[in-house]
Amino acid sequence: MSAETDVETRQVVSSYSSAYESGIAGAPYAPIEHAVAAESLASHDIDEAMRARPESPVAVLIPGAPGQTVAVGPAEWLLAVGPQLVLYNKDDVTRRPLRSLLDDEELYAVDNGPATGLVVCEEADCPACTLTLARLRSRTAGYLCGLAQGAVDAAVRRVQDRVQFDRPIGSNQTVAFQLAALTARLTAVHALGEHLSARIESGQAETDPVREASRLLAASAELAVEATAAALHLHGAFGLRSDQHAQRFYRKACAFSVRHGTAARLRRAGSTRREGSR
């Protein structure tokens, strides 16, 4: 590997790793999508005036329920990702609060049907647009892995302090083995995520980058929900308190694990098998 390629790979890995570290800290998810939206706009041939317009963060619109798109966090501009890449001003669309994740994150249902946005790209199979979706999914996977790791770390601390029958519950083999198994799976999925993200963003993906990112996200989403649920269970009722990270990790994992669809849907998107084949 050349020195130039090695530097590029480290920079690419840092994008995934940054999302992972944000998840561990339980930080807001929205900045991850804002960064991808900014990269997507910068990669298209738009005039300088257009580049200067979205000075505030640009949220990403992703289809949710039928006839509904969803954005995370408030933003002056919204970028619809789909067959066309379209930029909308928040004043031209209708938004309503959909779900609140404590005091630092809000999901909005957006109706952009009557709005006429600026078409940034309408080219079929545009490499930059494909990379945008792949980046979104791989970095979401990193964030979910981080949430899972943060939850497991919190659970390890809790089982060392939570005493039942005159000893910490972490000394029980069932609890210890459960946390060890989750840690092993997290280590494997995180390593896979760093590897695939580096290949996707450096243009070295062996197959369609969206397929690779979809498979990674499906695995990360399932693991995040399982790990955060287990951590919350090990905390007991104490973990449901508003000042505890356990319930925060769980709520975020449930919300963002389906940001791009269910795990089953993501696996279908990542499958190389043609529909109808056996």
C-alpha atoms as a PDB file:
ATOM      1  CA  MET A   1       0.000   0.000   0.000  1.00  0.00           C
ATOM      2  CA  SER A   2       1.395   3.431  -0.927  1.00  0.00           C
ATOM      3  CA  ALA A   3       1.840   6.194   1.629  1.00  0.00           C
ATOM      4  CA  GLU A   4      -0.818   8.309  -0.119  1.00  0.00           C
ATOM      5  CA  THR A   5      -3.375   5.490  -0.029  1.00  0.00           C
ATOM      6  CA  ASP A   6      -2.573   4.797   3.610  1.00  0.00           C
ATOM      7  CA  VAL A   7      -3.210   8.437   4.564  1.00  0.00           C
ATOM      8  CA  GLU A   8      -6.498   8.431   2.640  1.00  0.00           C
ATOM      9  CA  THR A   9      -7.602   5.236   4.357  1.00  0.00           C
ATOM     10  CA  ARG A  10      -6.865   6.680   7.813  1.00  0.00           C
ATOM     11  CA  GLN A  11      -8.924   9.780   6.977  1.00  0.00           C
ATOM     12  CA  VAL A  12     -11.827   7.646   5.760  1.00  0.00           C
ATOM     13  CA  VAL A  13     -11.720   5.397   8.797  1.00  0.00           C
ATOM     14  CA  SER A  14     -11.849   8.493  11.000  1.00  0.00           C
ATOM     15  CA  SER A  15     -15.312   9.363   9.618  1.00  0.00           C
ATOM     16  CA  TYR A  16     -16.673   6.016  10.762  1.00  0.00           C
ATOM     17  CA  SER A  17     -14.717   6.174  14.017  1.00  0.00           C
ATOM     18  CA  SER A  18     -16.026   9.667  14.769  1.00  0.00           C
ATOM     19  CA  ALA A  19     -19.579   8.372  14.443  1.00  0.00           C
ATOM     20  CA  TYR A  20     -18.646   5.441  16.683  1.00  0.00           C
ATOM     21  CA  GLU A  21     -17.210   7.729  19.362  1.00  0.00           C
ATOM     22  CA  SER A  22     -20.333   9.927  19.181  1.00  0.00           C
ATOM     23  CA  GLY A  23     -22.431   6.851  19.865  1.00  0.00           C
ATOM     24  CA  ILE A  24     -20.322   5.833  22.865  1.00  0.00           C
ATOM     25  CA  ALA A  25     -20.795   9.307  24.319  1.00  0.00           C
ATOM     26  CA  GLY A  26     -24.531   9.265  23.582  1.00  0.00           C
ATOM     27  CA  ALA A  27     -24.067  12.478  21.598  1.00  0.00           C
ATOM     28  CA  PRO A  28     -26.746  13.722  19.163  1.00  0.00           C
ATOM     29  CA  TYR A  29     -26.975  11.814  15.896  1.00  0.00           C
ATOM     30  CA  ALA A  30     -27.958  14.762  13.668  1.00  0.00           C
ATOM     31  CA  PRO A  31     -24.393  16.129  13.096  1.00  0.00           C
ATOM     32  CA  ILE A  32     -23.471  12.841  11.398  1.00  0.00           C
ATOM     33  CA  GLU A  33     -26.131  13.355   8.736  1.00  0.00           C
ATOM     34  CA  HIS A  34     -25.310  17.066   8.495  1.00  0.00           C
ATOM     35  CA  ALA A  35     -21.716  16.169   7.611  1.00  0.00           C
ATOM     36  CA  VAL A  36     -22.771  13.680   4.922  1.00  0.00           C
ATOM     37  CA  ALA A  37     -25.187  16.217   3.419  1.00  0.00           C
ATOM     38  CA  ALA A  38     -22.441  18.843   3.250  1.00  0.00           C
ATOM     39  CA  GLU A  39     -20.077  16.359   1.584  1.00  0.00           C
ATOM     40  CA  SER A  40     -22.771  15.411  -0.921  1.00  0.00           C
ATOM     41  CA  LEU A  41     -23.454  19.022  -1.914  1.00  0.00           C
ATOM     42  CA  ALA A  42     -19.738  19.725  -2.213  1.00  0.00           C
ATOM     43  CA  SER A  43     -19.275  16.745  -4.545  1.00  0.00           C
ATOM     44  CA  HIS A  44     -21.786  18.019  -7.123  1.00  0.00           C
ATOM     45  CA  ASP A  45     -21.219  20.653  -9.745  1.00  0.00           C
ATOM     46  CA  ILE A  46     -23.232  23.510  -8.263  1.00  0.00           C
ATOM     47  CA  ASP A  47     -22.392  27.180  -8.578  1.00  0.00           C
ATOM     48  CA  GLU A  48     -20.608  29.121  -5.851  1.00  0.00           C
ATOM     49  CA  ALA A  49     -23.779  31.023  -4.920  1.00  0.00           C
ATOM     50  CA  MET A  50     -25.516  27.725  -4.253  1.00  0.00           C
ATOM     51  CA  ARG A  51     -22.581  26.502  -2.171  1.00  0.00           C
ATOM     52  CA  ALA A  52     -22.925  29.609   0.001  1.00  0.00           C
ATOM     53  CA  ARG A  53     -26.698  29.262   0.548  1.00  0.00           C
ATOM     54  CA  PRO A  54     -26.830  26.425   3.067  1.00  0.00           C
ATOM     55  CA  GLU A  55     -24.711  28.167   5.684  1.00  0.00           C
ATOM     56  CA  SER A  56     -26.595  26.409   8.471  1.00  0.00           C
ATOM     57  CA  PRO A  57     -26.594  22.604   8.847  1.00  0.00           C
ATOM     58  CA  VAL A  58     -28.389  20.650   6.138  1.00  0.00           C
ATOM     59  CA  ALA A  59     -30.656  17.864   7.412  1.00  0.00           C
ATOM     60  CA  VAL A  60     -31.246  14.721   5.383  1.00  0.00           C
ATOM     61  CA  LEU A  61     -34.738  13.605   4.348  1.00  0.00           C
ATOM     62  CA  ILE A  62     -35.134   9.821   4.362  1.00  0.00           C
ATOM     63  CA  PRO A  63     -38.422   8.029   3.600  1.00  0.00           C
ATOM     64  CA  GLY A  64     -40.187   6.707   6.684  1.00  0.00           C
ATOM     65  CA  ALA A  65     -43.807   5.588   6.759  1.00  0.00           C
ATOM     66  CA  PRO A  66     -45.658   5.569   3.385  1.00  0.00           C
ATOM     67  CA  GLY A  67     -45.982   9.115   2.093  1.00  0.00           C
ATOM     68  CA  GLN A  68     -43.756  10.524   4.830  1.00  0.00           C
ATOM     69  CA  THR A  69     -40.127  11.587   5.009  1.00  0.00           C
ATOM     70  CA  VAL A  70     -38.237  12.050   8.256  1.00  0.00           C
ATOM     71  CA  ALA A  71     -35.512  14.513   9.258  1.00  0.00           C
ATOM     72  CA  VAL A  72     -33.416  14.546  12.419  1.00  0.00           C
ATOM     73  CA  GLY A  73     -32.944  17.820  14.248  1.00  0.00           C
ATOM     74  CA  PRO A  74     -33.821  21.384  13.224  1.00  0.00           C
ATOM     75  CA  ALA A  75     -32.091  22.769  10.143  1.00  0.00           C
ATOM     76  CA  GLU A  76     -32.507  25.637   7.720  1.00  0.00           C
ATOM     77  CA  TRP A  77     -32.135  23.320   4.716  1.00  0.00           C
ATOM     78  CA  LEU A  78     -33.230  19.767   3.986  1.00  0.00           C
ATOM     79  CA  LEU A  79     -31.659  17.446   1.411  1.00  0.00           C
ATOM     80  CA  ALA A  80     -33.892  14.709  -0.001  1.00  0.00           C
ATOM     81  CA  VAL A  81     -31.908  11.585  -0.891  1.00  0.00           C
ATOM     82  CA  GLY A  82     -33.514   9.343  -3.491  1.00  0.00           C
ATOM     83  CA  PRO A  83     -33.795   9.016  -7.264  1.00  0.00           C
ATOM     84  CA  GLN A  84     -33.101  12.749  -7.298  1.00  0.00           C
ATOM     85  CA  LEU A  85     -31.006  14.834  -4.954  1.00  0.00           C
ATOM     86  CA  VAL A  86     -33.214  17.807  -4.059  1.00  0.00           C
ATOM     87  CA  LEU A  87     -32.555  20.668  -1.645  1.00  0.00           C
ATOM     88  CA  TYR A  88     -35.463  22.331   0.181  1.00  0.00           C
ATOM     89  CA  ASN A  89     -35.699  25.361   2.411  1.00  0.00           C
ATOM     90  CA  LYS A  90     -37.445  24.644   5.720  1.00  0.00           C
ATOM     91  CA  ASP A  91     -39.955  27.417   5.016  1.00  0.00           C
ATOM     92  CA  ASP A  92     -41.120  25.633   1.856  1.00  0.00           C
ATOM     93  CA  VAL A  93     -42.083  22.362   3.553  1.00  0.00           C
ATOM     94  CA  THR A  94     -44.401  21.345   6.374  1.00  0.00           C
ATOM     95  CA  ARG A  95     -42.768  19.882   9.459  1.00  0.00           C
ATOM     96  CA  ARG A  96     -44.289  18.415  12.602  1.00  0.00           C
ATOM     97  CA  PRO A  97     -42.571  16.828  15.607  1.00  0.00           C
ATOM     98  CA  LEU A  98     -42.593  13.058  15.285  1.00  0.00           C
ATOM     99  CA  ARG A  99     -40.554  11.810  18.208  1.00  0.00           C
ATOM    100  CA  SER A 100     -38.499  13.397  20.948  1.00  0.00           C
ATOM    101  CA  LEU A 101     -35.366  11.730  22.300  1.00  0.00           C
ATOM    102  CA  LEU A 102     -34.966  13.544  25.618  1.00  0.00           C
ATOM    103  CA  ASP A 103     -33.881  17.159  25.281  1.00  0.00           C
ATOM    104  CA  ASP A 104     -31.123  16.891  22.695  1.00  0.00           C
ATOM    105  CA  GLU A 105     -32.723  15.261  19.658  1.00  0.00           C
ATOM    106  CA  GLU A 106     -35.968  15.661  17.741  1.00  0.00           C
ATOM    107  CA  LEU A 107     -37.321  13.716  14.785  1.00  0.00           C
ATOM    108  CA  TYR A 108     -39.586  15.559  12.352  1.00  0.00           C
ATOM    109  CA  ALA A 109     -42.094  14.262   9.833  1.00  0.00           C
ATOM    110  CA  VAL A 110     -41.701  16.386   6.715  1.00  0.00           C
ATOM    111  CA  ASP A 111     -44.221  16.868   3.931  1.00  0.00           C
ATOM    112  CA  ASN A 112     -42.345  18.190   0.911  1.00  0.00           C
ATOM    113  CA  GLY A 113     -45.015  17.249  -1.651  1.00  0.00           C
ATOM    114  CA  PRO A 114     -46.131  20.754  -2.696  1.00  0.00           C
ATOM    115  CA  ALA A 115     -42.660  22.275  -2.400  1.00  0.00           C
ATOM    116  CA  THR A 116     -40.443  22.964  -5.392  1.00  0.00           C
ATOM    117  CA  GLY A 117     -36.896  22.398  -4.300  1.00  0.00           C
ATOM    118  CA  LEU A 118     -33.615  22.879  -6.098  1.00  0.00           C
ATOM    119  CA  VAL A 119     -32.667  19.720  -7.997  1.00  0.00           C
ATOM    120  CA  VAL A 120     -28.992  19.202  -7.229  1.00  0.00           C
ATOM    121  CA  CYS A 121     -28.684  15.983  -9.238  1.00  0.00           C
ATOM    122  CA  GLU A 122     -31.051  13.921 -11.340  1.00  0.00           C
ATOM    123  CA  GLU A 123     -28.498  11.695 -13.041  1.00  0.00           C
ATOM    124  CA  ALA A 124     -29.363   8.007 -12.893  1.00  0.00           C
ATOM    125  CA  ASP A 125     -26.728   5.913 -11.107  1.00  0.00           C
ATOM    126  CA  CYS A 126     -24.736   8.988 -10.132  1.00  0.00           C
ATOM    127  CA  PRO A 127     -21.592   7.783  -8.299  1.00  0.00           C
ATOM    128  CA  ALA A 128     -21.673  10.755  -5.911  1.00  0.00           C
ATOM    129  CA  CYS A 129     -25.328  10.128  -4.992  1.00  0.00           C
ATOM    130  CA  THR A 130     -24.633   6.424  -4.503  1.00  0.00           C
ATOM    131  CA  LEU A 131     -21.725   7.311  -2.247  1.00  0.00           C
ATOM    132  CA  THR A 132     -23.979   9.657  -0.256  1.00  0.00           C
ATOM    133  CA  LEU A 133     -26.391   6.854   0.639  1.00  0.00           C
ATOM    134  CA  ALA A 134     -23.546   4.440   1.374  1.00  0.00           C
ATOM    135  CA  ARG A 135     -21.895   7.017   3.656  1.00  0.00           C
ATOM    136  CA  LEU A 136     -25.151   7.623   5.492  1.00  0.00           C
ATOM    137  CA  ARG A 137     -25.638   3.922   6.163  1.00  0.00           C
ATOM    138  CA  SER A 138     -22.048   3.119   7.108  1.00  0.00           C
ATOM    139  CA  ARG A 139     -21.773   6.044   9.507  1.00  0.00           C
ATOM    140  CA  THR A 140     -25.168   5.261  11.024  1.00  0.00           C
ATOM    141  CA  ALA A 141     -23.796   1.756  11.590  1.00  0.00           C
ATOM    142  CA  GLY A 142     -20.809   3.277  13.357  1.00  0.00           C
ATOM    143  CA  TYR A 143     -23.062   5.385  15.567  1.00  0.00           C
ATOM    144  CA  LEU A 144     -25.205   2.368  16.477  1.00  0.00           C
ATOM    145  CA  CYS A 145     -22.109   0.323  17.324  1.00  0.00           C
ATOM    146  CA  GLY A 146     -21.012   3.177  19.543  1.00  0.00           C
ATOM    147  CA  LEU A 147     -24.379   3.232  21.321  1.00  0.00           C
ATOM    148  CA  ALA A 148     -24.080  -0.508  21.918  1.00  0.00           C
ATOM    149  CA  GLN A 149     -20.529  -0.153  23.241  1.00  0.00           C
ATOM    150  CA  GLY A 150     -21.518   2.722  25.513  1.00  0.00           C
ATOM    151  CA  ALA A 151     -24.426   0.697  26.872  1.00  0.00           C
ATOM    152  CA  VAL A 152     -22.237  -2.346  27.538  1.00  0.00           C
ATOM    153  CA  ASP A 153     -19.627  -0.168  29.263  1.00  0.00           C
ATOM    154  CA  ALA A 154     -22.359   1.304  31.496  1.00  0.00           C
ATOM    155  CA  ALA A 155     -23.699  -2.177  32.239  1.00  0.00           C
ATOM    156  CA  VAL A 156     -20.253  -3.432  33.258  1.00  0.00           C
ATOM    157  CA  ARG A 157     -19.961  -0.574  35.746  1.00  0.00           C
ATOM    158  CA  ARG A 158     -23.479  -1.194  37.051  1.00  0.00           C
ATOM    159  CA  VAL A 159     -23.107  -4.938  37.645  1.00  0.00           C
ATOM    160  CA  GLN A 160     -19.951  -4.261  39.639  1.00  0.00           C
ATOM    161  CA  ASP A 161     -21.898  -1.937  41.960  1.00  0.00           C
ATOM    162  CA  ARG A 162     -25.327  -3.597  42.031  1.00  0.00           C
ATOM    163  CA  VAL A 163     -25.360  -5.998  44.971  1.00  0.00           C
ATOM    164  CA  GLN A 164     -27.812  -8.856  45.453  1.00  0.00           C
ATOM    165  CA  PHE A 165     -27.454 -11.618  48.049  1.00  0.00           C
ATOM    166  CA  ASP A 166     -24.376  -9.884  49.454  1.00  0.00           C
ATOM    167  CA  ARG A 167     -22.346  -9.897  46.237  1.00  0.00           C
ATOM    168  CA  PRO A 168     -22.204  -7.919  42.984  1.00  0.00           C
ATOM    169  CA  ILE A 169     -24.413  -9.423  40.285  1.00  0.00           C
ATOM    170  CA  GLY A 170     -21.455  -9.222  37.920  1.00  0.00           C
ATOM    171  CA  SER A 171     -19.884 -12.118  39.786  1.00  0.00           C
ATOM    172  CA  ASN A 172     -22.641 -14.406  38.475  1.00  0.00           C
ATOM    173  CA  GLN A 173     -21.551 -16.387  35.432  1.00  0.00           C
ATOM    174  CA  THR A 174     -24.796 -15.781  33.536  1.00  0.00           C
ATOM    175  CA  VAL A 175     -24.318 -12.009  33.716  1.00  0.00           C
ATOM    176  CA  ALA A 176     -20.593 -12.159  33.013  1.00  0.00           C
ATOM    177  CA  PHE A 177     -21.019 -14.476  30.032  1.00  0.00           C
ATOM    178  CA  GLN A 178     -23.795 -12.311  28.573  1.00  0.00           C
ATOM    179  CA  LEU A 179     -21.621  -9.191  28.679  1.00  0.00           C
ATOM    180  CA  ALA A 180     -18.606 -11.085  27.358  1.00  0.00           C
ATOM    181  CA  ALA A 181     -20.618 -12.389  24.391  1.00  0.00           C
ATOM    182  CA  LEU A 182     -21.924  -8.914  23.569  1.00  0.00           C
ATOM    183  CA  THR A 183     -18.406  -7.478  23.810  1.00  0.00           C
ATOM    184  CA  ALA A 184     -17.046 -10.119  21.421  1.00  0.00           C
ATOM    185  CA  ARG A 185     -19.777  -9.443  18.865  1.00  0.00           C
ATOM    186  CA  LEU A 186     -19.299  -5.686  19.175  1.00  0.00           C
ATOM    187  CA  THR A 187     -15.581  -5.995  18.603  1.00  0.00           C
ATOM    188  CA  ALA A 188     -16.174  -8.041  15.446  1.00  0.00           C
ATOM    189  CA  VAL A 189     -18.876  -5.777  13.991  1.00  0.00           C
ATOM    190  CA  HIS A 190     -16.905  -2.622  14.768  1.00  0.00           C
ATOM    191  CA  ALA A 191     -13.782  -4.025  13.072  1.00  0.00           C
ATOM    192  CA  LEU A 192     -15.888  -4.980  10.050  1.00  0.00           C
ATOM    193  CA  GLY A 193     -17.397  -1.502  10.006  1.00  0.00           C
ATOM    194  CA  GLU A 194     -14.010   0.213   9.952  1.00  0.00           C
ATOM    195  CA  HIS A 195     -12.838  -2.062   7.140  1.00  0.00           C
ATOM    196  CA  LEU A 196     -15.963  -1.681   4.975  1.00  0.00           C
ATOM    197  CA  SER A 197     -16.240   2.070   5.533  1.00  0.00           C
ATOM    198  CA  ALA A 198     -12.655   2.554   4.421  1.00  0.00           C
ATOM    199  CA  ARG A 199     -13.320   0.557   1.259  1.00  0.00           C
ATOM    200  CA  ILE A 200     -16.620   2.293   0.528  1.00  0.00           C
ATOM    201  CA  GLU A 201     -15.404   5.863   0.894  1.00  0.00           C
ATOM    202  CA  SER A 202     -12.120   5.279  -0.897  1.00  0.00           C
ATOM    203  CA  GLY A 203     -13.962   3.754  -3.867  1.00  0.00           C
ATOM    204  CA  GLN A 204     -12.536   0.273  -3.297  1.00  0.00           C
ATOM    205  CA  ALA A 205     -15.794  -1.530  -2.472  1.00  0.00           C
ATOM    206  CA  GLU A 206     -15.835  -4.998  -4.015  1.00  0.00           C
ATOM    207  CA  THR A 207     -19.535  -4.698  -4.899  1.00  0.00           C
ATOM    208  CA  ASP A 208     -22.157  -1.947  -4.887  1.00  0.00           C
ATOM    209  CA  PRO A 209     -21.176   0.289  -1.919  1.00  0.00           C
ATOM    210  CA  VAL A 210     -24.825   0.720  -0.901  1.00  0.00           C
ATOM    211  CA  ARG A 211     -25.199  -3.050  -0.658  1.00  0.00           C
ATOM    212  CA  GLU A 212     -22.125  -3.366   1.534  1.00  0.00           C
ATOM    213  CA  ALA A 213     -23.245  -0.484   3.756  1.00  0.00           C
ATOM    214  CA  SER A 214     -26.767  -1.953   3.994  1.00  0.00           C
ATOM    215  CA  ARG A 215     -25.489  -5.309   5.223  1.00  0.00           C
ATOM    216  CA  LEU A 216     -23.230  -3.590   7.752  1.00  0.00           C
ATOM    217  CA  LEU A 217     -26.088  -1.413   9.005  1.00  0.00           C
ATOM    218  CA  ALA A 218     -28.427  -4.402   9.356  1.00  0.00           C
ATOM    219  CA  ALA A 219     -25.925  -6.196  11.597  1.00  0.00           C
ATOM    220  CA  SER A 220     -25.172  -3.058  13.615  1.00  0.00           C
ATOM    221  CA  ALA A 221     -28.842  -2.166  14.082  1.00  0.00           C
ATOM    222  CA  GLU A 222     -29.798  -5.561  15.463  1.00  0.00           C
ATOM    223  CA  LEU A 223     -26.790  -5.657  17.761  1.00  0.00           C
ATOM    224  CA  ALA A 224     -27.427  -2.119  19.042  1.00  0.00           C
ATOM    225  CA  VAL A 225     -31.005  -2.874  20.065  1.00  0.00           C
ATOM    226  CA  GLU A 226     -30.017  -6.182  21.676  1.00  0.00           C
ATOM    227  CA  ALA A 227     -27.043  -4.738  23.568  1.00  0.00           C
ATOM    228  CA  THR A 228     -28.839  -1.629  24.835  1.00  0.00           C
ATOM    229  CA  ALA A 229     -31.866  -3.691  25.916  1.00  0.00           C
ATOM    230  CA  ALA A 230     -29.605  -6.114  27.811  1.00  0.00           C
ATOM    231  CA  ALA A 231     -27.769  -3.224  29.465  1.00  0.00           C
ATOM    232  CA  LEU A 232     -31.040  -1.626  30.544  1.00  0.00           C
ATOM    233  CA  HIS A 233     -32.232  -4.956  31.979  1.00  0.00           C
ATOM    234  CA  LEU A 234     -29.022  -5.342  34.002  1.00  0.00           C
ATOM    235  CA  HIS A 235     -29.483  -1.855  35.417  1.00  0.00           C
ATOM    236  CA  GLY A 236     -32.929  -2.747  36.762  1.00  0.00           C
ATOM    237  CA  ALA A 237     -35.442   0.016  37.470  1.00  0.00           C
ATOM    238  CA  PHE A 238     -32.497   2.277  38.344  1.00  0.00           C
ATOM    239  CA  GLY A 239     -31.610   2.404  34.641  1.00  0.00           C
ATOM    240  CA  LEU A 240     -34.958   4.024  33.768  1.00  0.00           C
ATOM    241  CA  ARG A 241     -34.131   7.184  35.682  1.00  0.00           C
ATOM    242  CA  SER A 242     -33.779  10.274  33.510  1.00  0.00           C
ATOM    243  CA  ASP A 243     -30.211  10.833  34.702  1.00  0.00           C
ATOM    244  CA  GLN A 244     -29.064   7.369  33.626  1.00  0.00           C
ATOM    245  CA  HIS A 245     -27.343   6.689  30.305  1.00  0.00           C
ATOM    246  CA  ALA A 246     -28.838   3.202  29.991  1.00  0.00           C
ATOM    247  CA  GLN A 247     -32.292   4.415  29.001  1.00  0.00           C
ATOM    248  CA  ARG A 248     -30.782   7.082  26.737  1.00  0.00           C
ATOM    249  CA  PHE A 249     -28.746   4.501  24.809  1.00  0.00           C
ATOM    250  CA  TYR A 250     -31.780   2.239  24.456  1.00  0.00           C
ATOM    251  CA  ARG A 251     -34.099   4.990  23.210  1.00  0.00           C
ATOM    252  CA  LYS A 252     -31.568   6.193  20.660  1.00  0.00           C
ATOM    253  CA  ALA A 253     -30.847   2.654  19.455  1.00  0.00           C
ATOM    254  CA  CYS A 254     -34.550   1.950  18.927  1.00  0.00           C
ATOM    255  CA  ALA A 255     -35.028   5.205  17.009  1.00  0.00           C
ATOM    256  CA  PHE A 256     -31.984   5.115  14.747  1.00  0.00           C
ATOM    257  CA  SER A 257     -31.803   1.357  14.132  1.00  0.00           C
ATOM    258  CA  VAL A 258     -34.772   1.810  11.754  1.00  0.00           C
ATOM    259  CA  ARG A 259     -33.656   5.147  10.303  1.00  0.00           C
ATOM    260  CA  HIS A 260     -32.982   3.438   6.962  1.00  0.00           C
ATOM    261  CA  GLY A 261     -35.564   0.684   7.360  1.00  0.00           C
ATOM    262  CA  THR A 262     -35.753  -2.535   9.313  1.00  0.00           C
ATOM    263  CA  ALA A 263     -32.866  -4.986   9.433  1.00  0.00           C
ATOM    264  CA  ALA A 264     -34.793  -7.337   7.121  1.00  0.00           C
ATOM    265  CA  ARG A 265     -35.292  -4.570   4.579  1.00  0.00           C
ATOM    266  CA  LEU A 266     -31.625  -3.603   4.771  1.00  0.00           C
ATOM    267  CA  ARG A 267     -30.577  -7.203   4.196  1.00  0.00           C
ATOM    268  CA  ARG A 268     -32.770  -7.342   1.090  1.00  0.00           C
ATOM    269  CA  ALA A 269     -31.137  -4.124  -0.117  1.00  0.00           C
ATOM    270  CA  GLY A 270     -27.734  -5.664   0.519  1.00  0.00           C
ATOM    271  CA  SER A 271     -28.501  -8.986  -1.118  1.00  0.00           C
ATOM    272  CA  THR A 272     -26.865  -9.840  -4.430  1.00  0.00           C
ATOM    273  CA  ARG A 273     -29.583 -12.404  -5.160  1.00  0.00           C
ATOM    274  CA  ARG A 274     -32.083 -11.374  -7.764  1.00  0.00           C
ATOM    275  CA  GLU A 275     -35.713 -11.248  -6.737  1.00  0.00           C
ATOM    276  CA  GLY A 276     -37.437 -14.532  -7.528  1.00  0.00           C
ATOM    277  CA  SER A 277     -34.221 -16.556  -7.528  1.00  0.00           C
ATOM    278  CA  ARG A 278     -33.649 -19.399  -5.081  1.00  0.00           C
END
